[in-house]
Each structure stands twice: as structure tokens, then as C-alpha cells.
Amino acid sequence: GLVKPWQTLSLTCIVSGESIWTYPYY
């Protein structure tokens, strides 16, 4: 929830109910 300036923000999206390799989704 908090990141210091000049650092790298890393966020992850957890997906359920659909495979992220399923055509035609982005």
C-alpha cells in the first residue's frame, strides 16, 4: 500500500475462474 519514491512498485493480480492463457482475453 505504500512505496517510497524511486523504488519499484510490484503488484500481482490473482485470477480465478479463467485461465489467463485462454483465447481471446487480455
PDB file of all heavy atoms in Angstrom:
ATOM      1  N   GLY A   1       0.791  -1.210   0.000  1.00  0.00           N
ATOM      2  CA  GLY A   1       0.000   0.000   0.000  1.00  0.00           C
ATOM      3  C   GLY A   1       0.829   1.269   0.000  1.00  0.00           C
ATOM      4  O   GLY A   1       0.308   2.352  -0.273  1.00  0.00           O
ATOM      5  N   LEU A   2       2.117   1.137   0.296  1.00  0.00           N
ATOM      6  CA  LEU A   2       2.997   2.292   0.396  1.00  0.00           C
ATOM      7  C   LEU A   2       4.335   1.954  -0.240  1.00  0.00           C
ATOM      8  O   LEU A   2       4.929   0.915   0.054  1.00  0.00           O
ATOM      9  CB  LEU A   2       3.193   2.686   1.861  1.00  0.00           C
ATOM     10  CG  LEU A   2       4.102   3.885   2.144  1.00  0.00           C
ATOM     11  CD1 LEU A   2       3.494   5.163   1.587  1.00  0.00           C
ATOM     12  CD2 LEU A   2       4.335   4.025   3.640  1.00  0.00           C
ATOM     13  N   VAL A   3       4.809   2.830  -1.107  1.00  0.00           N
ATOM     14  CA  VAL A   3       6.088   2.661  -1.787  1.00  0.00           C
ATOM     15  C   VAL A   3       6.846   3.984  -1.706  1.00  0.00           C
ATOM     16  O   VAL A   3       6.264   5.048  -1.875  1.00  0.00           O
ATOM     17  CB  VAL A   3       5.908   2.250  -3.258  1.00  0.00           C
ATOM     18  CG1 VAL A   3       7.261   1.984  -3.903  1.00  0.00           C
ATOM     19  CG2 VAL A   3       5.027   1.016  -3.361  1.00  0.00           C
ATOM     20  N   LYS A   4       8.133   3.897  -1.484  1.00  0.00           N
ATOM     21  CA  LYS A   4       8.950   5.101  -1.422  1.00  0.00           C
ATOM     22  C   LYS A   4       9.317   5.585  -2.821  1.00  0.00           C
ATOM     23  O   LYS A   4       9.444   4.789  -3.755  1.00  0.00           O
ATOM     24  CB  LYS A   4      10.220   4.839  -0.612  1.00  0.00           C
ATOM     25  CG  LYS A   4       9.966   4.576   0.857  1.00  0.00           C
ATOM     26  CD  LYS A   4      11.269   4.348   1.610  1.00  0.00           C
ATOM     27  CE  LYS A   4      11.015   4.148   3.089  1.00  0.00           C
ATOM     28  NZ  LYS A   4      12.272   3.929   3.842  1.00  0.00           N
ATOM     29  N   PRO A   5       9.494   6.894  -2.985  1.00  0.00           N
ATOM     30  CA  PRO A   5       9.914   7.417  -4.297  1.00  0.00           C
ATOM     31  C   PRO A   5      11.183   6.751  -4.793  1.00  0.00           C
ATOM     32  O   PRO A   5      12.080   6.424  -4.004  1.00  0.00           O
ATOM     33  CB  PRO A   5      10.136   8.902  -4.031  1.00  0.00           C
ATOM     34  CG  PRO A   5       9.234   9.212  -2.881  1.00  0.00           C
ATOM     35  CD  PRO A   5       9.259   7.976  -2.011  1.00  0.00           C
ATOM     36  N   TRP A   6      11.227   6.564  -6.104  1.00  0.00           N
ATOM     37  CA  TRP A   6      12.357   5.990  -6.840  1.00  0.00           C
ATOM     38  C   TRP A   6      12.436   4.471  -6.721  1.00  0.00           C
ATOM     39  O   TRP A   6      13.273   3.857  -7.394  1.00  0.00           O
ATOM     40  CB  TRP A   6      13.691   6.637  -6.444  1.00  0.00           C
ATOM     41  CG  TRP A   6      13.592   8.119  -6.268  1.00  0.00           C
ATOM     42  CD1 TRP A   6      13.911   8.832  -5.168  1.00  0.00           C
ATOM     43  CD2 TRP A   6      13.130   9.068  -7.233  1.00  0.00           C
ATOM     44  NE1 TRP A   6      13.675  10.160  -5.369  1.00  0.00           N
ATOM     45  CE2 TRP A   6      13.190  10.341  -6.635  1.00  0.00           C
ATOM     46  CE3 TRP A   6      12.666   8.976  -8.543  1.00  0.00           C
ATOM     47  CZ2 TRP A   6      12.797  11.502  -7.294  1.00  0.00           C
ATOM     48  CZ3 TRP A   6      12.266  10.134  -9.197  1.00  0.00           C
ATOM     49  CH2 TRP A   6      12.344  11.376  -8.568  1.00  0.00           C
ATOM     50  N   GLN A   7      11.592   3.881  -5.917  1.00  0.00           N
ATOM     51  CA  GLN A   7      11.542   2.431  -5.845  1.00  0.00           C
ATOM     52  C   GLN A   7      10.651   1.860  -6.944  1.00  0.00           C
ATOM     53  O   GLN A   7      10.028   2.589  -7.710  1.00  0.00           O
ATOM     54  CB  GLN A   7      11.039   1.984  -4.469  1.00  0.00           C
ATOM     55  CG  GLN A   7      11.999   2.270  -3.337  1.00  0.00           C
ATOM     56  CD  GLN A   7      11.541   1.680  -2.016  1.00  0.00           C
ATOM     57  OE1 GLN A   7      10.345   1.486  -1.788  1.00  0.00           O
ATOM     58  NE2 GLN A   7      12.494   1.386  -1.141  1.00  0.00           N
ATOM     59  N   THR A   8      10.601   0.548  -7.007  1.00  0.00           N
ATOM     60  CA  THR A   8       9.758  -0.155  -7.959  1.00  0.00           C
ATOM     61  C   THR A   8       8.508  -0.672  -7.267  1.00  0.00           C
ATOM     62  O   THR A   8       8.598  -1.351  -6.244  1.00  0.00           O
ATOM     63  CB  THR A   8      10.501  -1.333  -8.605  1.00  0.00           C
ATOM     64  OG1 THR A   8      11.606  -0.845  -9.367  1.00  0.00           O
ATOM     65  CG2 THR A   8       9.584  -2.129  -9.523  1.00  0.00           C
ATOM     66  N   LEU A   9       7.355  -0.335  -7.834  1.00  0.00           N
ATOM     67  CA  LEU A   9       6.084  -0.867  -7.366  1.00  0.00           C
ATOM     68  C   LEU A   9       5.803  -2.178  -8.072  1.00  0.00           C
ATOM     69  O   LEU A   9       5.826  -2.234  -9.307  1.00  0.00           O
ATOM     70  CB  LEU A   9       4.961   0.130  -7.647  1.00  0.00           C
ATOM     71  CG  LEU A   9       3.528  -0.372  -7.461  1.00  0.00           C
ATOM     72  CD1 LEU A   9       3.258  -0.688  -5.995  1.00  0.00           C
ATOM     73  CD2 LEU A   9       2.530   0.639  -7.999  1.00  0.00           C
ATOM     74  N   SER A  10       5.533  -3.213  -7.307  1.00  0.00           N
ATOM     75  CA  SER A  10       5.156  -4.504  -7.865  1.00  0.00           C
ATOM     76  C   SER A  10       3.778  -4.888  -7.355  1.00  0.00           C
ATOM     77  O   SER A  10       3.551  -4.948  -6.147  1.00  0.00           O
ATOM     78  CB  SER A  10       6.169  -5.584  -7.487  1.00  0.00           C
ATOM     79  OG  SER A  10       7.422  -5.350  -8.096  1.00  0.00           O
ATOM     80  N   LEU A  11       2.875  -5.137  -8.288  1.00  0.00           N
ATOM     81  CA  LEU A  11       1.520  -5.569  -7.966  1.00  0.00           C
ATOM     82  C   LEU A  11       1.215  -6.853  -8.710  1.00  0.00           C
ATOM     83  O   LEU A  11       1.584  -7.002  -9.878  1.00  0.00           O
ATOM     84  CB  LEU A  11       0.491  -4.506  -8.357  1.00  0.00           C
ATOM     85  CG  LEU A  11       0.548  -3.168  -7.633  1.00  0.00           C
ATOM     86  CD1 LEU A  11      -0.432  -2.195  -8.275  1.00  0.00           C
ATOM     87  CD2 LEU A  11       0.241  -3.338  -6.154  1.00  0.00           C
ATOM     88  N   THR A  12       0.520  -7.752  -8.055  1.00  0.00           N
ATOM     89  CA  THR A  12       0.140  -9.021  -8.645  1.00  0.00           C
ATOM     90  C   THR A  12      -1.379  -9.118  -8.706  1.00  0.00           C
ATOM     91  O   THR A  12      -2.066  -8.721  -7.763  1.00  0.00           O
ATOM     92  CB  THR A  12       0.712 -10.191  -7.842  1.00  0.00           C
ATOM     93  OG1 THR A  12       2.138 -10.167  -7.917  1.00  0.00           O
ATOM     94  CG2 THR A  12       0.216 -11.522  -8.387  1.00  0.00           C
ATOM     95  N   CYS A  13      -1.876  -9.627  -9.809  1.00  0.00           N
ATOM     96  CA  CYS A  13      -3.296  -9.901  -9.963  1.00  0.00           C
ATOM     97  C   CYS A  13      -3.503 -11.408  -9.921  1.00  0.00           C
ATOM     98  O   CYS A  13      -2.948 -12.138 -10.751  1.00  0.00           O
ATOM     99  CB  CYS A  13      -3.831  -9.335 -11.271  1.00  0.00           C
ATOM    100  SG  CYS A  13      -5.620  -9.538 -11.478  1.00  0.00           S
ATOM    101  N   ILE A  14      -4.298 -11.843  -8.980  1.00  0.00           N
ATOM    102  CA  ILE A  14      -4.616 -13.252  -8.812  1.00  0.00           C
ATOM    103  C   ILE A  14      -5.936 -13.522  -9.519  1.00  0.00           C
ATOM    104  O   ILE A  14      -6.952 -12.908  -9.206  1.00  0.00           O
ATOM    105  CB  ILE A  14      -4.715 -13.622  -7.328  1.00  0.00           C
ATOM    106  CG1 ILE A  14      -3.415 -13.247  -6.603  1.00  0.00           C
ATOM    107  CG2 ILE A  14      -5.025 -15.102  -7.159  1.00  0.00           C
ATOM    108  CD1 ILE A  14      -3.552 -13.168  -5.099  1.00  0.00           C
ATOM    109  N   VAL A  15      -5.914 -14.427 -10.474  1.00  0.00           N
ATOM    110  CA  VAL A  15      -7.081 -14.713 -11.301  1.00  0.00           C
ATOM    111  C   VAL A  15      -7.609 -16.097 -10.970  1.00  0.00           C
ATOM    112  O   VAL A  15      -6.847 -17.060 -10.891  1.00  0.00           O
ATOM    113  CB  VAL A  15      -6.736 -14.630 -12.801  1.00  0.00           C
ATOM    114  CG1 VAL A  15      -7.974 -14.930 -13.652  1.00  0.00           C
ATOM    115  CG2 VAL A  15      -6.161 -13.261 -13.146  1.00  0.00           C
ATOM    116  N   SER A  16      -8.910 -16.192 -10.798  1.00  0.00           N
ATOM    117  CA  SER A  16      -9.574 -17.476 -10.614  1.00  0.00           C
ATOM    118  C   SER A  16     -10.780 -17.562 -11.535  1.00  0.00           C
ATOM    119  O   SER A  16     -11.357 -16.550 -11.927  1.00  0.00           O
ATOM    120  CB  SER A  16      -9.992 -17.679  -9.158  1.00  0.00           C
ATOM    121  OG  SER A  16     -10.921 -16.696  -8.744  1.00  0.00           O
ATOM    122  N   GLY A  17     -11.170 -18.770 -11.882  1.00  0.00           N
ATOM    123  CA  GLY A  17     -12.333 -18.982 -12.726  1.00  0.00           C
ATOM    124  C   GLY A  17     -12.063 -18.910 -14.215  1.00  0.00           C
ATOM    125  O   GLY A  17     -12.968 -19.191 -15.015  1.00  0.00           O
ATOM    126  N   GLU A  18     -10.863 -18.517 -14.603  1.00  0.00           N
ATOM    127  CA  GLU A  18     -10.486 -18.438 -16.006  1.00  0.00           C
ATOM    128  C   GLU A  18      -8.971 -18.505 -16.108  1.00  0.00           C
ATOM    129  O   GLU A  18      -8.273 -17.809 -15.371  1.00  0.00           O
ATOM    130  CB  GLU A  18     -10.998 -17.153 -16.645  1.00  0.00           C
ATOM    131  CG  GLU A  18     -10.703 -17.026 -18.139  1.00  0.00           C
ATOM    132  CD  GLU A  18     -11.486 -18.027 -18.957  1.00  0.00           C
ATOM    133  OE1 GLU A  18     -12.676 -17.764 -19.256  1.00  0.00           O
ATOM    134  OE2 GLU A  18     -10.921 -19.089 -19.301  1.00  0.00           O
ATOM    135  N   SER A  19      -8.478 -19.326 -17.001  1.00  0.00           N
ATOM    136  CA  SER A  19      -7.038 -19.410 -17.225  1.00  0.00           C
ATOM    137  C   SER A  19      -6.570 -18.199 -18.016  1.00  0.00           C
ATOM    138  O   SER A  19      -7.208 -17.803 -18.995  1.00  0.00           O
ATOM    139  CB  SER A  19      -6.687 -20.692 -17.982  1.00  0.00           C
ATOM    140  OG  SER A  19      -7.042 -21.833 -17.236  1.00  0.00           O
ATOM    141  N   ILE A  20      -5.459 -17.621 -17.615  1.00  0.00           N
ATOM    142  CA  ILE A  20      -5.001 -16.391 -18.251  1.00  0.00           C
ATOM    143  C   ILE A  20      -4.441 -16.636 -19.647  1.00  0.00           C
ATOM    144  O   ILE A  20      -4.170 -15.672 -20.366  1.00  0.00           O
ATOM    145  CB  ILE A  20      -3.966 -15.644 -17.378  1.00  0.00           C
ATOM    146  CG1 ILE A  20      -2.734 -16.513 -17.098  1.00  0.00           C
ATOM    147  CG2 ILE A  20      -4.618 -15.180 -16.081  1.00  0.00           C
ATOM    148  CD1 ILE A  20      -1.636 -15.777 -16.358  1.00  0.00           C
ATOM    149  N   TRP A  21      -4.308 -17.887 -20.038  1.00  0.00           N
ATOM    150  CA  TRP A  21      -3.873 -18.190 -21.400  1.00  0.00           C
ATOM    151  C   TRP A  21      -5.038 -18.522 -22.335  1.00  0.00           C
ATOM    152  O   TRP A  21      -4.826 -18.973 -23.463  1.00  0.00           O
ATOM    153  CB  TRP A  21      -2.860 -19.345 -21.395  1.00  0.00           C
ATOM    154  CG  TRP A  21      -3.349 -20.606 -20.742  1.00  0.00           C
ATOM    155  CD1 TRP A  21      -4.014 -21.634 -21.331  1.00  0.00           C
ATOM    156  CD2 TRP A  21      -3.192 -20.959 -19.363  1.00  0.00           C
ATOM    157  NE1 TRP A  21      -4.287 -22.613 -20.410  1.00  0.00           N
ATOM    158  CE2 TRP A  21      -3.801 -22.228 -19.197  1.00  0.00           C
ATOM    159  CE3 TRP A  21      -2.602 -20.347 -18.264  1.00  0.00           C
ATOM    160  CZ2 TRP A  21      -3.833 -22.888 -17.961  1.00  0.00           C
ATOM    161  CZ3 TRP A  21      -2.633 -21.000 -17.034  1.00  0.00           C
ATOM    162  CH2 TRP A  21      -3.234 -22.248 -16.898  1.00  0.00           C
ATOM    163  N   THR A  22      -6.247 -18.274 -21.869  1.00  0.00           N
ATOM    164  CA  THR A  22      -7.430 -18.564 -22.667  1.00  0.00           C
ATOM    165  C   THR A  22      -7.664 -17.486 -23.723  1.00  0.00           C
ATOM    166  O   THR A  22      -7.784 -16.305 -23.405  1.00  0.00           O
ATOM    167  CB  THR A  22      -8.667 -18.675 -21.764  1.00  0.00           C
ATOM    168  OG1 THR A  22      -8.474 -19.747 -20.839  1.00  0.00           O
ATOM    169  CG2 THR A  22      -9.913 -18.964 -22.597  1.00  0.00           C
ATOM    170  N   TYR A  23      -7.732 -17.905 -24.965  1.00  0.00           N
ATOM    171  CA  TYR A  23      -8.090 -17.023 -26.073  1.00  0.00           C
ATOM    172  C   TYR A  23      -9.530 -16.583 -25.916  1.00  0.00           C
ATOM    173  O   TYR A  23     -10.401 -17.380 -25.559  1.00  0.00           O
ATOM    174  CB  TYR A  23      -7.885 -17.776 -27.389  1.00  0.00           C
ATOM    175  CG  TYR A  23      -8.214 -16.988 -28.627  1.00  0.00           C
ATOM    176  CD1 TYR A  23      -7.240 -16.226 -29.263  1.00  0.00           C
ATOM    177  CD2 TYR A  23      -9.500 -17.007 -29.160  1.00  0.00           C
ATOM    178  CE1 TYR A  23      -7.539 -15.508 -30.404  1.00  0.00           C
ATOM    179  CE2 TYR A  23      -9.807 -16.290 -30.307  1.00  0.00           C
ATOM    180  CZ  TYR A  23      -8.817 -15.542 -30.923  1.00  0.00           C
ATOM    181  OH  TYR A  23      -9.114 -14.831 -32.052  1.00  0.00           O
ATOM    182  N   PRO A  24      -9.873 -15.305 -26.204  1.00  0.00           N
ATOM    183  CA  PRO A  24      -9.067 -14.211 -26.747  1.00  0.00           C
ATOM    184  C   PRO A  24      -8.713 -13.132 -25.730  1.00  0.00           C
ATOM    185  O   PRO A  24      -8.516 -11.986 -26.113  1.00  0.00           O
ATOM    186  CB  PRO A  24     -10.023 -13.639 -27.796  1.00  0.00           C
ATOM    187  CG  PRO A  24     -11.362 -13.698 -27.117  1.00  0.00           C
ATOM    188  CD  PRO A  24     -11.320 -14.957 -26.259  1.00  0.00           C
ATOM    189  N   TYR A  25      -8.635 -13.474 -24.474  1.00  0.00           N
ATOM    190  CA  TYR A  25      -8.575 -12.460 -23.430  1.00  0.00           C
ATOM    191  C   TYR A  25      -7.210 -11.790 -23.281  1.00  0.00           C
ATOM    192  O   TYR A  25      -6.164 -12.398 -23.526  1.00  0.00           O
ATOM    193  CB  TYR A  25      -8.984 -13.065 -22.091  1.00  0.00           C
ATOM    194  CG  TYR A  25     -10.401 -13.566 -22.083  1.00  0.00           C
ATOM    195  CD1 TYR A  25     -10.669 -14.915 -21.886  1.00  0.00           C
ATOM    196  CD2 TYR A  25     -11.462 -12.704 -22.289  1.00  0.00           C
ATOM    197  CE1 TYR A  25     -11.968 -15.387 -21.892  1.00  0.00           C
ATOM    198  CE2 TYR A  25     -12.763 -13.167 -22.300  1.00  0.00           C
ATOM    199  CZ  TYR A  25     -13.009 -14.506 -22.100  1.00  0.00           C
ATOM    200  OH  TYR A  25     -14.305 -14.965 -22.111  1.00  0.00           O
ATOM    201  N   TYR A  26      -7.276 -10.527 -22.879  1.00  0.00           N
ATOM    202  CA  TYR A  26      -6.117  -9.764 -22.457  1.00  0.00           C
ATOM    203  C   TYR A  26      -6.284  -9.422 -20.985  1.00  0.00           C
ATOM    204  O   TYR A  26      -7.392  -9.162 -20.515  1.00  0.00           O
ATOM    205  CB  TYR A  26      -5.978  -8.464 -23.260  1.00  0.00           C
ATOM    206  CG  TYR A  26      -5.425  -8.628 -24.647  1.00  0.00           C
ATOM    207  CD1 TYR A  26      -6.132  -9.318 -25.620  1.00  0.00           C
ATOM    208  CD2 TYR A  26      -4.193  -8.070 -24.996  1.00  0.00           C
ATOM    209  CE1 TYR A  26      -5.628  -9.475 -26.896  1.00  0.00           C
ATOM    210  CE2 TYR A  26      -3.688  -8.212 -26.277  1.00  0.00           C
ATOM    211  CZ  TYR A  26      -4.415  -8.914 -27.221  1.00  0.00           C
ATOM    212  OH  TYR A  26      -3.911  -9.045 -28.486  1.00  0.00           O
TER     213      TYR A  26
END
